[in-house]
Protein backbone atom coordinates (compact mmCIF):
# COMPACT_ATOMS: atom_id res chain seq x y z
CA MET A 1 -22.47 -10.19 -22.14
CA VAL A 2 -21.68 -13.29 -20.10
CA LEU A 3 -25.12 -14.87 -20.56
CA ARG A 4 -25.64 -14.06 -24.26
CA LYS A 5 -24.84 -17.60 -25.46
CA LEU A 6 -27.15 -19.12 -22.86
CA LYS A 7 -29.95 -16.81 -23.91
CA GLN A 8 -29.46 -17.66 -27.59
CA GLU A 9 -29.45 -21.38 -26.86
CA THR A 10 -32.63 -21.18 -24.79
CA GLU A 11 -34.36 -19.32 -27.64
CA VAL A 12 -33.37 -22.07 -30.09
CA VAL A 13 -34.52 -24.81 -27.72
CA LEU A 14 -37.81 -23.00 -27.23
CA ARG A 15 -38.26 -22.91 -31.01
CA HIS A 16 -37.60 -26.65 -31.20
CA LEU A 17 -40.22 -27.25 -28.53
CA HIS A 18 -42.77 -25.09 -30.35
CA VAL A 19 -42.11 -27.07 -33.54
CA LEU A 20 -42.57 -30.30 -31.57
CA GLU A 21 -45.86 -29.01 -30.18
CA VAL A 22 -47.18 -28.21 -33.67
CA VAL A 23 -46.00 -31.56 -35.05
CA LYS A 24 -47.74 -33.40 -32.23
CA LYS A 25 -51.02 -31.54 -32.85
CA ASN A 26 -50.93 -31.78 -36.65
CA GLN A 27 -49.02 -34.96 -37.52
CA PRO A 28 -48.16 -35.91 -40.13
CA ILE A 29 -47.03 -32.45 -41.19
CA GLY A 30 -44.49 -31.22 -43.70
CA ILE A 31 -42.02 -28.37 -43.57
CA PHE A 32 -44.08 -26.01 -45.72
CA LYS A 33 -47.22 -26.41 -43.62
CA LEU A 34 -45.23 -26.12 -40.38
CA ALA A 35 -43.57 -22.93 -41.59
CA GLU A 36 -46.94 -21.53 -42.58
CA ILE A 37 -48.62 -22.39 -39.26
CA MET A 38 -45.71 -21.04 -37.22
CA ASN A 39 -45.04 -18.05 -39.45
CA MET A 40 -41.38 -19.09 -39.49
CA PRO A 41 -38.79 -19.43 -42.26
CA LYS A 42 -38.56 -22.93 -43.71
CA HIS A 43 -34.83 -23.21 -42.98
CA LYS A 44 -35.46 -22.74 -39.25
CA VAL A 45 -38.28 -25.30 -39.28
CA ARG A 46 -36.05 -27.74 -41.17
CA TYR A 47 -33.26 -27.31 -38.63
CA SER A 48 -35.63 -27.84 -35.69
CA LEU A 49 -37.04 -30.97 -37.33
CA ARG A 50 -33.52 -32.29 -37.87
CA VAL A 51 -32.62 -31.72 -34.21
CA LEU A 52 -35.84 -33.36 -33.00
CA GLU A 53 -35.16 -36.31 -35.29
CA GLN A 54 -31.59 -36.67 -34.01
CA PHE A 55 -32.91 -36.84 -30.45
CA GLY A 56 -35.36 -39.58 -31.41
CA ILE A 57 -38.51 -37.55 -30.84
CA ILE A 58 -39.85 -37.36 -34.38
CA GLU A 59 -39.35 -39.20 -37.62
CA PRO A 60 -39.89 -38.21 -41.21
CA THR A 61 -42.47 -40.04 -43.30
CA GLN A 62 -43.59 -39.55 -46.88
CA HIS A 63 -46.55 -37.59 -45.50
CA GLY A 64 -44.53 -35.42 -43.13
CA ALA A 65 -43.07 -35.45 -39.63
CA VAL A 66 -44.66 -37.62 -36.92
CA LEU A 67 -43.80 -38.43 -33.33
CA ARG A 68 -41.76 -41.59 -32.99
CA GLU A 69 -42.88 -44.50 -30.90
CA GLY A 70 -41.40 -43.84 -27.46
CA ALA A 71 -41.33 -40.07 -27.96
CA ASP A 72 -43.28 -39.64 -24.73
CA LEU A 73 -40.35 -41.08 -22.77
CA VAL A 74 -37.93 -38.64 -24.39
CA ILE A 75 -40.31 -35.76 -23.67
CA GLU A 76 -40.52 -36.81 -20.02
CA LYS A 77 -36.71 -36.77 -19.84
CA LEU A 78 -36.75 -33.26 -21.30
CA LYS A 79 -39.18 -32.17 -18.60
CA LYS A 80 -36.82 -33.49 -15.91
CA GLU A 81 -33.87 -31.71 -17.52
CA ILE A 82 -35.85 -28.46 -17.49
CA VAL A 83 -36.40 -28.86 -13.75
CA ASP A 84 -32.63 -29.21 -13.27
CA ILE A 85 -31.99 -26.18 -15.47
CA LYS A 86 -34.50 -24.13 -13.48
CA LYS A 87 -32.62 -25.01 -10.31
CA SER A 88 -29.37 -23.79 -11.84
CA VAL A 89 -30.98 -20.56 -13.05
CA ASN A 90 -32.50 -19.97 -9.62
CA GLU A 91 -29.07 -20.48 -8.07
CA MET A 92 -27.54 -17.99 -10.52
CA ASN A 93 -30.24 -15.52 -9.59
CA LYS A 94 -29.48 -15.94 -5.87
CA VAL A 95 -25.79 -15.28 -6.49
CA LEU A 96 -26.53 -12.22 -8.63
CA LYS A 97 -28.76 -10.79 -5.91
CA LYS A 98 -25.83 -10.96 -3.52
CA LEU A 99 -23.60 -8.96 -5.85
């Protein structure tokens, strides 16, 4: 399927965002507690935390993951990117309707 990769990527990004949401609500929080709360394997939580850290949204501490100073700015940029992505998806939908 042409859109399979896009679908897989959006599912992974959605998982990262859910992890971010739980971190924000429960910080500081460790991998084991996150995995328990989210009912998710620890390796997936660990990967999401690593990605969020690489993008400068969270940082590890001895007590668990916390939002970094300035994370709100990064989150606002993500929101703007989502708006752009929605526009592209809407455009794809318009083209598909014509087919």
